[in-house]
Amino acid sequence: MTRDEIIAAIRKNADSIRDKGVSKLAIFGSHAGEDYSVDSDIDILLEIEPDTSFSLLKLIDVEHIIEDATGLQTQATVRRSTSPRFVPHSADDIVEIF
């Protein structure tokens, strides 16, 4: 699945993902560029609505929505939970979806 196909599949499911409390979603890593293989998972970076009670179960739900839409294993990370060193190294490799 190409990056554009992944983006289209996620955007088709944006309402379901937003219903979990996600305000912004981006992909990063190999699928954000063109250096992925058939075994590559989709790395997702989420921002959560400030007043939302976001749990591990909701994170897993978001991963499942994307996996069902794309057929690819998904690894989601909440931006506020990332190391400050993470963002500068991957900022050029982040593709905002919504």
PDB file of N, CA and C in Angstrom:
ATOM      1  N   MET A   1       0.859  -1.179   0.000  1.00  0.00           N
ATOM      2  CA  MET A   1       0.000   0.000   0.000  1.00  0.00           C
ATOM      3  C   MET A   1       0.900   1.236   0.000  1.00  0.00           C
ATOM      4  N   THR A   2       0.614   2.164  -0.896  1.00  0.00           N
ATOM      5  CA  THR A   2       1.430   3.381  -0.987  1.00  0.00           C
ATOM      6  C   THR A   2       1.043   4.369   0.110  1.00  0.00           C
ATOM      7  N   ARG A   3       1.883   5.377   0.278  1.00  0.00           N
ATOM      8  CA  ARG A   3       1.592   6.421   1.262  1.00  0.00           C
ATOM      9  C   ARG A   3       0.255   7.090   0.951  1.00  0.00           C
ATOM     10  N   ASP A   4       0.005   7.409  -0.311  1.00  0.00           N
ATOM     11  CA  ASP A   4      -1.250   8.061  -0.682  1.00  0.00           C
ATOM     12  C   ASP A   4      -2.461   7.178  -0.400  1.00  0.00           C
ATOM     13  N   GLU A   5      -2.333   5.881  -0.611  1.00  0.00           N
ATOM     14  CA  GLU A   5      -3.429   4.961  -0.310  1.00  0.00           C
ATOM     15  C   GLU A   5      -3.676   4.877   1.196  1.00  0.00           C
ATOM     16  N   ILE A   6      -2.607   4.883   1.973  1.00  0.00           N
ATOM     17  CA  ILE A   6      -2.731   4.876   3.435  1.00  0.00           C
ATOM     18  C   ILE A   6      -3.434   6.137   3.906  1.00  0.00           C
ATOM     19  N   ILE A   7      -3.002   7.280   3.400  1.00  0.00           N
ATOM     20  CA  ILE A   7      -3.612   8.559   3.788  1.00  0.00           C
ATOM     21  C   ILE A   7      -5.098   8.561   3.447  1.00  0.00           C
ATOM     22  N   ALA A   8      -5.458   8.112   2.246  1.00  0.00           N
ATOM     23  CA  ALA A   8      -6.859   8.076   1.832  1.00  0.00           C
ATOM     24  C   ALA A   8      -7.677   7.148   2.732  1.00  0.00           C
ATOM     25  N   ALA A   9      -7.127   5.991   3.064  1.00  0.00           N
ATOM     26  CA  ALA A   9      -7.838   5.038   3.920  1.00  0.00           C
ATOM     27  C   ALA A   9      -8.058   5.603   5.320  1.00  0.00           C
ATOM     28  N   ILE A  10      -7.062   6.281   5.855  1.00  0.00           N
ATOM     29  CA  ILE A  10      -7.202   6.876   7.194  1.00  0.00           C
ATOM     30  C   ILE A  10      -8.206   8.012   7.156  1.00  0.00           C
ATOM     31  N   ARG A  11      -8.148   8.850   6.130  1.00  0.00           N
ATOM     32  CA  ARG A  11      -9.094   9.975   6.032  1.00  0.00           C
ATOM     33  C   ARG A  11     -10.537   9.489   5.917  1.00  0.00           C
ATOM     34  N   LYS A  12     -10.762   8.362   5.270  1.00  0.00           N
ATOM     35  CA  LYS A  12     -12.118   7.805   5.183  1.00  0.00           C
ATOM     36  C   LYS A  12     -12.641   7.418   6.560  1.00  0.00           C
ATOM     37  N   ASN A  13     -11.742   7.158   7.489  1.00  0.00           N
ATOM     38  CA  ASN A  13     -12.107   6.745   8.846  1.00  0.00           C
ATOM     39  C   ASN A  13     -11.866   7.845   9.877  1.00  0.00           C
ATOM     40  N   ALA A  14     -11.660   9.059   9.425  1.00  0.00           N
ATOM     41  CA  ALA A  14     -11.320  10.167  10.324  1.00  0.00           C
ATOM     42  C   ALA A  14     -12.389  10.395  11.393  1.00  0.00           C
ATOM     43  N   ASP A  15     -13.662  10.309  11.023  1.00  0.00           N
ATOM     44  CA  ASP A  15     -14.721  10.542  12.015  1.00  0.00           C
ATOM     45  C   ASP A  15     -14.671   9.513  13.141  1.00  0.00           C
ATOM     46  N   SER A  16     -14.455   8.253  12.792  1.00  0.00           N
ATOM     47  CA  SER A  16     -14.367   7.203  13.820  1.00  0.00           C
ATOM     48  C   SER A  16     -13.165   7.418  14.722  1.00  0.00           C
ATOM     49  N   ILE A  17     -12.069   7.879  14.138  1.00  0.00           N
ATOM     50  CA  ILE A  17     -10.857   8.129  14.917  1.00  0.00           C
ATOM     51  C   ILE A  17     -11.058   9.345  15.814  1.00  0.00           C
ATOM     52  N   ARG A  18     -11.655  10.396  15.276  1.00  0.00           N
ATOM     53  CA  ARG A  18     -11.924  11.592  16.090  1.00  0.00           C
ATOM     54  C   ARG A  18     -12.874  11.276  17.248  1.00  0.00           C
ATOM     55  N   ASP A  19     -13.810  10.354  17.022  1.00  0.00           N
ATOM     56  CA  ASP A  19     -14.742   9.962  18.087  1.00  0.00           C
ATOM     57  C   ASP A  19     -14.015   9.370  19.298  1.00  0.00           C
ATOM     58  N   LYS A  20     -12.795   8.914  19.116  1.00  0.00           N
ATOM     59  CA  LYS A  20     -11.987   8.370  20.224  1.00  0.00           C
ATOM     60  C   LYS A  20     -11.279   9.472  21.004  1.00  0.00           C
ATOM     61  N   GLY A  21     -11.353  10.730  20.506  1.00  0.00           N
ATOM     62  CA  GLY A  21     -10.709  11.850  21.187  1.00  0.00           C
ATOM     63  C   GLY A  21      -9.471  12.369  20.490  1.00  0.00           C
ATOM     64  N   VAL A  22      -9.202  11.894  19.297  1.00  0.00           N
ATOM     65  CA  VAL A  22      -8.014  12.322  18.548  1.00  0.00           C
ATOM     66  C   VAL A  22      -8.323  13.628  17.819  1.00  0.00           C
ATOM     67  N   SER A  23      -7.485  14.632  18.020  1.00  0.00           N
ATOM     68  CA  SER A  23      -7.686  15.911  17.326  1.00  0.00           C
ATOM     69  C   SER A  23      -6.821  16.022  16.080  1.00  0.00           C
ATOM     70  N   LYS A  24      -5.642  15.423  16.103  1.00  0.00           N
ATOM     71  CA  LYS A  24      -4.735  15.444  14.954  1.00  0.00           C
ATOM     72  C   LYS A  24      -4.083  14.079  14.815  1.00  0.00           C
ATOM     73  N   LEU A  25      -3.797  13.710  13.569  1.00  0.00           N
ATOM     74  CA  LEU A  25      -3.160  12.435  13.298  1.00  0.00           C
ATOM     75  C   LEU A  25      -2.161  12.626  12.168  1.00  0.00           C
ATOM     76  N   ALA A  26      -1.003  12.027  12.328  1.00  0.00           N
ATOM     77  CA  ALA A  26       0.037  12.071  11.304  1.00  0.00           C
ATOM     78  C   ALA A  26       0.691  10.701  11.214  1.00  0.00           C
ATOM     79  N   ILE A  27       1.287  10.426  10.067  1.00  0.00           N
ATOM     80  CA  ILE A  27       2.117   9.231   9.950  1.00  0.00           C
ATOM     81  C   ILE A  27       3.564   9.682   9.922  1.00  0.00           C
ATOM     82  N   PHE A  28       4.438   8.807  10.376  1.00  0.00           N
ATOM     83  CA  PHE A  28       5.870   9.092  10.345  1.00  0.00           C
ATOM     84  C   PHE A  28       6.595   7.781  10.109  1.00  0.00           C
ATOM     85  N   GLY A  29       7.868   7.846   9.969  1.00  0.00           N
ATOM     86  CA  GLY A  29       8.647   6.630   9.754  1.00  0.00           C
ATOM     87  C   GLY A  29       8.668   6.233   8.296  1.00  0.00           C
ATOM     88  N   SER A  30       8.809   4.944   8.051  1.00  0.00           N
ATOM     89  CA  SER A  30       9.040   4.455   6.696  1.00  0.00           C
ATOM     90  C   SER A  30       7.880   4.745   5.741  1.00  0.00           C
ATOM     91  N   HIS A  31       6.643   4.677   6.210  1.00  0.00           N
ATOM     92  CA  HIS A  31       5.510   4.937   5.319  1.00  0.00           C
ATOM     93  C   HIS A  31       5.308   6.426   5.045  1.00  0.00           C
ATOM     94  N   ALA A  32       5.891   7.291   5.849  1.00  0.00           N
ATOM     95  CA  ALA A  32       5.825   8.720   5.563  1.00  0.00           C
ATOM     96  C   ALA A  32       6.754   9.061   4.407  1.00  0.00           C
ATOM     97  N   GLY A  33       7.798   8.283   4.273  1.00  0.00           N
ATOM     98  CA  GLY A  33       8.715   8.431   3.146  1.00  0.00           C
ATOM     99  C   GLY A  33       8.429   7.343   2.140  1.00  0.00           C
ATOM    100  N   GLU A  34       9.432   6.927   1.462  1.00  0.00           N
ATOM    101  CA  GLU A  34       9.251   5.865   0.471  1.00  0.00           C
ATOM    102  C   GLU A  34      10.193   4.690   0.737  1.00  0.00           C
ATOM    103  N   ASP A  35      10.679   4.566   1.985  1.00  0.00           N
ATOM    104  CA  ASP A  35      11.646   3.511   2.287  1.00  0.00           C
ATOM    105  C   ASP A  35      11.026   2.370   3.092  1.00  0.00           C
ATOM    106  N   TYR A  36       9.787   2.025   2.795  1.00  0.00           N
ATOM    107  CA  TYR A  36       9.107   0.956   3.509  1.00  0.00           C
ATOM    108  C   TYR A  36       9.208  -0.356   2.734  1.00  0.00           C
ATOM    109  N   SER A  37       9.008  -1.441   3.449  1.00  0.00           N
ATOM    110  CA  SER A  37       8.977  -2.762   2.825  1.00  0.00           C
ATOM    111  C   SER A  37       7.604  -3.371   3.071  1.00  0.00           C
ATOM    112  N   VAL A  38       7.366  -4.535   2.530  1.00  0.00           N
ATOM    113  CA  VAL A  38       6.065  -5.188   2.721  1.00  0.00           C
ATOM    114  C   VAL A  38       5.820  -5.533   4.185  1.00  0.00           C
ATOM    115  N   ASP A  39       6.876  -5.628   4.981  1.00  0.00           N
ATOM    116  CA  ASP A  39       6.747  -5.960   6.396  1.00  0.00           C
ATOM    117  C   ASP A  39       6.658  -4.726   7.298  1.00  0.00           C
ATOM    118  N   SER A  40       6.744  -3.533   6.719  1.00  0.00           N
ATOM    119  CA  SER A  40       6.744  -2.304   7.518  1.00  0.00           C
ATOM    120  C   SER A  40       5.363  -2.035   8.109  1.00  0.00           C
ATOM    121  N   ASP A  41       5.364  -1.607   9.371  1.00  0.00           N
ATOM    122  CA  ASP A  41       4.112  -1.189   9.981  1.00  0.00           C
ATOM    123  C   ASP A  41       3.906   0.300   9.724  1.00  0.00           C
ATOM    124  N   ILE A  42       2.724   0.793  10.090  1.00  0.00           N
ATOM    125  CA  ILE A  42       2.429   2.218   9.971  1.00  0.00           C
ATOM    126  C   ILE A  42       2.654   2.837  11.340  1.00  0.00           C
ATOM    127  N   ASP A  43       3.500   3.835  11.400  1.00  0.00           N
ATOM    128  CA  ASP A  43       3.739   4.575  12.639  1.00  0.00           C
ATOM    129  C   ASP A  43       2.839   5.801  12.633  1.00  0.00           C
ATOM    130  N   ILE A  44       2.033   5.931  13.679  1.00  0.00           N
ATOM    131  CA  ILE A  44       1.036   6.993  13.783  1.00  0.00           C
ATOM    132  C   ILE A  44       1.361   7.868  14.988  1.00  0.00           C
ATOM    133  N   LEU A  45       1.259   9.168  14.788  1.00  0.00           N
ATOM    134  CA  LEU A  45       1.447  10.134  15.868  1.00  0.00           C
ATOM    135  C   LEU A  45       0.112  10.833  16.093  1.00  0.00           C
ATOM    136  N   LEU A  46      -0.388  10.769  17.316  1.00  0.00           N
ATOM    137  CA  LEU A  46      -1.697  11.317  17.650  1.00  0.00           C
ATOM    138  C   LEU A  46      -1.585  12.511  18.580  1.00  0.00           C
ATOM    139  N   GLU A  47      -2.481  13.468  18.390  1.00  0.00           N
ATOM    140  CA  GLU A  47      -2.701  14.517  19.379  1.00  0.00           C
ATOM    141  C   GLU A  47      -4.118  14.328  19.874  1.00  0.00           C
ATOM    142  N   ILE A  48      -4.294  14.477  21.173  1.00  0.00           N
ATOM    143  CA  ILE A  48      -5.569  14.197  21.825  1.00  0.00           C
ATOM    144  C   ILE A  48      -6.224  15.505  22.240  1.00  0.00           C
ATOM    145  N   GLU A  49      -7.560  15.547  22.110  1.00  0.00           N
ATOM    146  CA  GLU A  49      -8.310  16.710  22.590  1.00  0.00           C
ATOM    147  C   GLU A  49      -7.987  16.922  24.069  1.00  0.00           C
ATOM    148  N   PRO A  50      -7.765  18.168  24.472  1.00  0.00           N
ATOM    149  CA  PRO A  50      -7.316  18.436  25.854  1.00  0.00           C
ATOM    150  C   PRO A  50      -8.231  17.902  26.950  1.00  0.00           C
ATOM    151  N   ASP A  51      -9.526  17.981  26.778  1.00  0.00           N
ATOM    152  CA  ASP A  51     -10.446  17.577  27.842  1.00  0.00           C
ATOM    153  C   ASP A  51     -10.954  16.150  27.689  1.00  0.00           C
ATOM    154  N   THR A  52     -10.302  15.376  26.832  1.00  0.00           N
ATOM    155  CA  THR A  52     -10.729  14.008  26.573  1.00  0.00           C
ATOM    156  C   THR A  52     -10.039  13.034  27.519  1.00  0.00           C
ATOM    157  N   SER A  53     -10.807  12.105  28.015  1.00  0.00           N
ATOM    158  CA  SER A  53     -10.237  11.024  28.808  1.00  0.00           C
ATOM    159  C   SER A  53      -9.756   9.964  27.811  1.00  0.00           C
ATOM    160  N   PHE A  54      -8.468   9.951  27.560  1.00  0.00           N
ATOM    161  CA  PHE A  54      -7.900   9.041  26.561  1.00  0.00           C
ATOM    162  C   PHE A  54      -7.168   7.926  27.276  1.00  0.00           C
ATOM    163  N   SER A  55      -7.536   6.713  26.956  1.00  0.00           N
ATOM    164  CA  SER A  55      -6.980   5.552  27.644  1.00  0.00           C
ATOM    165  C   SER A  55      -6.211   4.669  26.669  1.00  0.00           C
ATOM    166  N   LEU A  56      -5.540   3.690  27.220  1.00  0.00           N
ATOM    167  CA  LEU A  56      -4.839   2.697  26.401  1.00  0.00           C
ATOM    168  C   LEU A  56      -5.826   1.959  25.498  1.00  0.00           C
ATOM    169  N   LEU A  57      -7.023   1.716  25.989  1.00  0.00           N
ATOM    170  CA  LEU A  57      -8.034   1.040  25.176  1.00  0.00           C
ATOM    171  C   LEU A  57      -8.422   1.876  23.954  1.00  0.00           C
ATOM    172  N   LYS A  58      -8.526   3.184  24.120  1.00  0.00           N
ATOM    173  CA  LYS A  58      -8.834   4.044  22.982  1.00  0.00           C
ATOM    174  C   LYS A  58      -7.669   4.071  21.999  1.00  0.00           C
ATOM    175  N   LEU A  59      -6.452   4.044  22.504  1.00  0.00           N
ATOM    176  CA  LEU A  59      -5.276   3.993  21.635  1.00  0.00           C
ATOM    177  C   LEU A  59      -5.313   2.715  20.790  1.00  0.00           C
ATOM    178  N   ILE A  60      -5.625   1.611  21.427  1.00  0.00           N
ATOM    179  CA  ILE A  60      -5.726   0.331  20.714  1.00  0.00           C
ATOM    180  C   ILE A  60      -6.876   0.372  19.711  1.00  0.00           C
ATOM    181  N   ASP A  61      -7.985   0.995  20.075  1.00  0.00           N
ATOM    182  CA  ASP A  61      -9.109   1.139  19.140  1.00  0.00           C
ATOM    183  C   ASP A  61      -8.683   1.901  17.885  1.00  0.00           C
ATOM    184  N   VAL A  62      -7.932   2.975  18.067  1.00  0.00           N
ATOM    185  CA  VAL A  62      -7.446   3.754  16.928  1.00  0.00           C
ATOM    186  C   VAL A  62      -6.542   2.884  16.047  1.00  0.00           C
ATOM    187  N   GLU A  63      -5.641   2.145  16.676  1.00  0.00           N
ATOM    188  CA  GLU A  63      -4.779   1.242  15.905  1.00  0.00           C
ATOM    189  C   GLU A  63      -5.608   0.248  15.095  1.00  0.00           C
ATOM    190  N   HIS A  64      -6.647  -0.312  15.709  1.00  0.00           N
ATOM    191  CA  HIS A  64      -7.490  -1.295  15.022  1.00  0.00           C
ATOM    192  C   HIS A  64      -8.261  -0.667  13.860  1.00  0.00           C
ATOM    193  N   ILE A  65      -8.747   0.540  14.030  1.00  0.00           N
ATOM    194  CA  ILE A  65      -9.449   1.228  12.944  1.00  0.00           C
ATOM    195  C   ILE A  65      -8.519   1.366  11.746  1.00  0.00           C
ATOM    196  N   ILE A  66      -7.280   1.777  12.003  1.00  0.00           N
ATOM    197  CA  ILE A  66      -6.318   1.972  10.910  1.00  0.00           C
ATOM    198  C   ILE A  66      -5.895   0.632  10.317  1.00  0.00           C
ATOM    199  N   GLU A  67      -5.679  -0.355  11.145  1.00  0.00           N
ATOM    200  CA  GLU A  67      -5.320  -1.683  10.641  1.00  0.00           C
ATOM    201  C   GLU A  67      -6.428  -2.256   9.763  1.00  0.00           C
ATOM    202  N   ASP A  68      -7.676  -2.096  10.187  1.00  0.00           N
ATOM    203  CA  ASP A  68      -8.804  -2.597   9.392  1.00  0.00           C
ATOM    204  C   ASP A  68      -8.909  -1.851   8.057  1.00  0.00           C
ATOM    205  N   ALA A  69      -8.612  -0.559   8.080  1.00  0.00           N
ATOM    206  CA  ALA A  69      -8.723   0.251   6.864  1.00  0.00           C
ATOM    207  C   ALA A  69      -7.587   0.002   5.875  1.00  0.00           C
ATOM    208  N   THR A  70      -6.414  -0.345   6.405  1.00  0.00           N
ATOM    209  CA  THR A  70      -5.237  -0.463   5.536  1.00  0.00           C
ATOM    210  C   THR A  70      -4.738  -1.892   5.355  1.00  0.00           C
ATOM    211  N   GLY A  71      -5.064  -2.765   6.286  1.00  0.00           N
ATOM    212  CA  GLY A  71      -4.534  -4.117   6.250  1.00  0.00           C
ATOM    213  C   GLY A  71      -3.098  -4.206   6.731  1.00  0.00           C
ATOM    214  N   LEU A  72      -2.608  -3.123   7.327  1.00  0.00           N
ATOM    215  CA  LEU A  72      -1.223  -3.076   7.810  1.00  0.00           C
ATOM    216  C   LEU A  72      -1.185  -2.915   9.323  1.00  0.00           C
ATOM    217  N   GLN A  73      -0.212  -3.564   9.945  1.00  0.00           N
ATOM    218  CA  GLN A  73      -0.027  -3.408  11.383  1.00  0.00           C
ATOM    219  C   GLN A  73       0.274  -1.953  11.684  1.00  0.00           C
ATOM    220  N   THR A  74      -0.271  -1.458  12.802  1.00  0.00           N
ATOM    221  CA  THR A  74      -0.153  -0.044  13.152  1.00  0.00           C
ATOM    222  C   THR A  74       0.423   0.113  14.544  1.00  0.00           C
ATOM    223  N   GLN A  75       1.305   1.079  14.692  1.00  0.00           N
ATOM    224  CA  GLN A  75       1.900   1.421  15.988  1.00  0.00           C
ATOM    225  C   GLN A  75       1.598   2.890  16.248  1.00  0.00           C
ATOM    226  N   ALA A  76       0.751   3.175  17.234  1.00  0.00           N
ATOM    227  CA  ALA A  76       0.358   4.548  17.534  1.00  0.00           C
ATOM    228  C   ALA A  76       1.098   5.084  18.751  1.00  0.00           C
ATOM    229  N   THR A  77       1.419   6.366  18.691  1.00  0.00           N
ATOM    230  CA  THR A  77       2.086   7.069  19.778  1.00  0.00           C
ATOM    231  C   THR A  77       1.359   8.389  20.005  1.00  0.00           C
ATOM    232  N   VAL A  78       1.141   8.739  21.263  1.00  0.00           N
ATOM    233  CA  VAL A  78       0.537  10.022  21.598  1.00  0.00           C
ATOM    234  C   VAL A  78       1.655  11.050  21.713  1.00  0.00           C
ATOM    235  N   ARG A  79       1.491  12.166  21.008  1.00  0.00           N
ATOM    236  CA  ARG A  79       2.556  13.172  20.943  1.00  0.00           C
ATOM    237  C   ARG A  79       3.009  13.627  22.329  1.00  0.00           C
ATOM    238  N   ARG A  80       2.090  13.861  23.240  1.00  0.00           N
ATOM    239  CA  ARG A  80       2.484  14.353  24.573  1.00  0.00           C
ATOM    240  C   ARG A  80       3.276  13.323  25.364  1.00  0.00           C
ATOM    241  N   SER A  81       3.258  12.080  24.905  1.00  0.00           N
ATOM    242  CA  SER A  81       3.993  11.013  25.585  1.00  0.00           C
ATOM    243  C   SER A  81       5.375  10.771  24.992  1.00  0.00           C
ATOM    244  N   THR A  82       5.713  11.487  23.930  1.00  0.00           N
ATOM    245  CA  THR A  82       6.990  11.244  23.267  1.00  0.00           C
ATOM    246  C   THR A  82       8.115  12.017  23.936  1.00  0.00           C
ATOM    247  N   SER A  83       9.277  11.502  23.777  1.00  0.00           N
ATOM    248  CA  SER A  83      10.466  12.158  24.292  1.00  0.00           C
ATOM    249  C   SER A  83      10.709  13.454  23.533  1.00  0.00           C
ATOM    250  N   PRO A  84      11.148  14.516  24.209  1.00  0.00           N
ATOM    251  CA  PRO A  84      11.459  15.767  23.509  1.00  0.00           C
ATOM    252  C   PRO A  84      12.515  15.573  22.412  1.00  0.00           C
ATOM    253  N   ARG A  85      13.347  14.568  22.550  1.00  0.00           N
ATOM    254  CA  ARG A  85      14.366  14.298  21.536  1.00  0.00           C
ATOM    255  C   ARG A  85      13.784  13.652  20.284  1.00  0.00           C
ATOM    256  N   PHE A  86      12.596  13.059  20.408  1.00  0.00           N
ATOM    257  CA  PHE A  86      11.977  12.355  19.284  1.00  0.00           C
ATOM    258  C   PHE A  86      11.539  13.316  18.184  1.00  0.00           C
ATOM    259  N   VAL A  87      10.827  14.368  18.542  1.00  0.00           N
ATOM    260  CA  VAL A  87      10.206  15.248  17.556  1.00  0.00           C
ATOM    261  C   VAL A  87      11.206  15.928  16.634  1.00  0.00           C
ATOM    262  N   PRO A  88      12.306  16.534  17.118  1.00  0.00           N
ATOM    263  CA  PRO A  88      13.227  17.178  16.181  1.00  0.00           C
ATOM    264  C   PRO A  88      13.828  16.220  15.158  1.00  0.00           C
ATOM    265  N   HIS A  89      14.077  14.984  15.547  1.00  0.00           N
ATOM    266  CA  HIS A  89      14.682  14.040  14.617  1.00  0.00           C
ATOM    267  C   HIS A  89      13.709  13.557  13.561  1.00  0.00           C
ATOM    268  N   SER A  90      12.426  13.576  13.856  1.00  0.00           N
ATOM    269  CA  SER A  90      11.467  13.033  12.900  1.00  0.00           C
ATOM    270  C   SER A  90      10.554  14.095  12.305  1.00  0.00           C
ATOM    271  N   ALA A  91      10.732  15.357  12.637  1.00  0.00           N
ATOM    272  CA  ALA A  91       9.832  16.411  12.162  1.00  0.00           C
ATOM    273  C   ALA A  91       9.758  16.460  10.640  1.00  0.00           C
ATOM    274  N   ASP A  92      10.857  16.210   9.956  1.00  0.00           N
ATOM    275  CA  ASP A  92      10.846  16.222   8.494  1.00  0.00           C
ATOM    276  C   ASP A  92      10.150  15.006   7.920  1.00  0.00           C
ATOM    277  N   ASP A  93       9.988  13.978   8.712  1.00  0.00           N
ATOM    278  CA  ASP A  93       9.389  12.733   8.245  1.00  0.00           C
ATOM    279  C   ASP A  93       7.947  12.560   8.684  1.00  0.00           C
ATOM    280  N   ILE A  94       7.333  13.631   9.179  1.00  0.00           N
ATOM    281  CA  ILE A  94       5.955  13.552   9.643  1.00  0.00           C
ATOM    282  C   ILE A  94       5.026  14.073   8.559  1.00  0.00           C
ATOM    283  N   VAL A  95       4.006  13.271   8.219  1.00  0.00           N
ATOM    284  CA  VAL A  95       3.012  13.661   7.219  1.00  0.00           C
ATOM    285  C   VAL A  95       1.670  13.801   7.927  1.00  0.00           C
ATOM    286  N   GLU A  96       1.200  15.042   8.061  1.00  0.00           N
ATOM    287  CA  GLU A  96      -0.084  15.314   8.716  1.00  0.00           C
ATOM    288  C   GLU A  96      -1.214  14.785   7.843  1.00  0.00           C
ATOM    289  N   ILE A  97      -2.159  14.091   8.469  1.00  0.00           N
ATOM    290  CA  ILE A  97      -3.306  13.560   7.732  1.00  0.00           C
ATOM    291  C   ILE A  97      -4.561  14.364   8.060  1.00  0.00           C
ATOM    292  N   PHE A  98      -4.763  14.646   9.338  1.00  0.00           N
ATOM    293  CA  PHE A  98      -5.826  15.576   9.735  1.00  0.00           C
ATOM    294  C   PHE A  98      -5.465  16.175  11.070  1.00  0.00           C
TER     295      PHE A  98
END
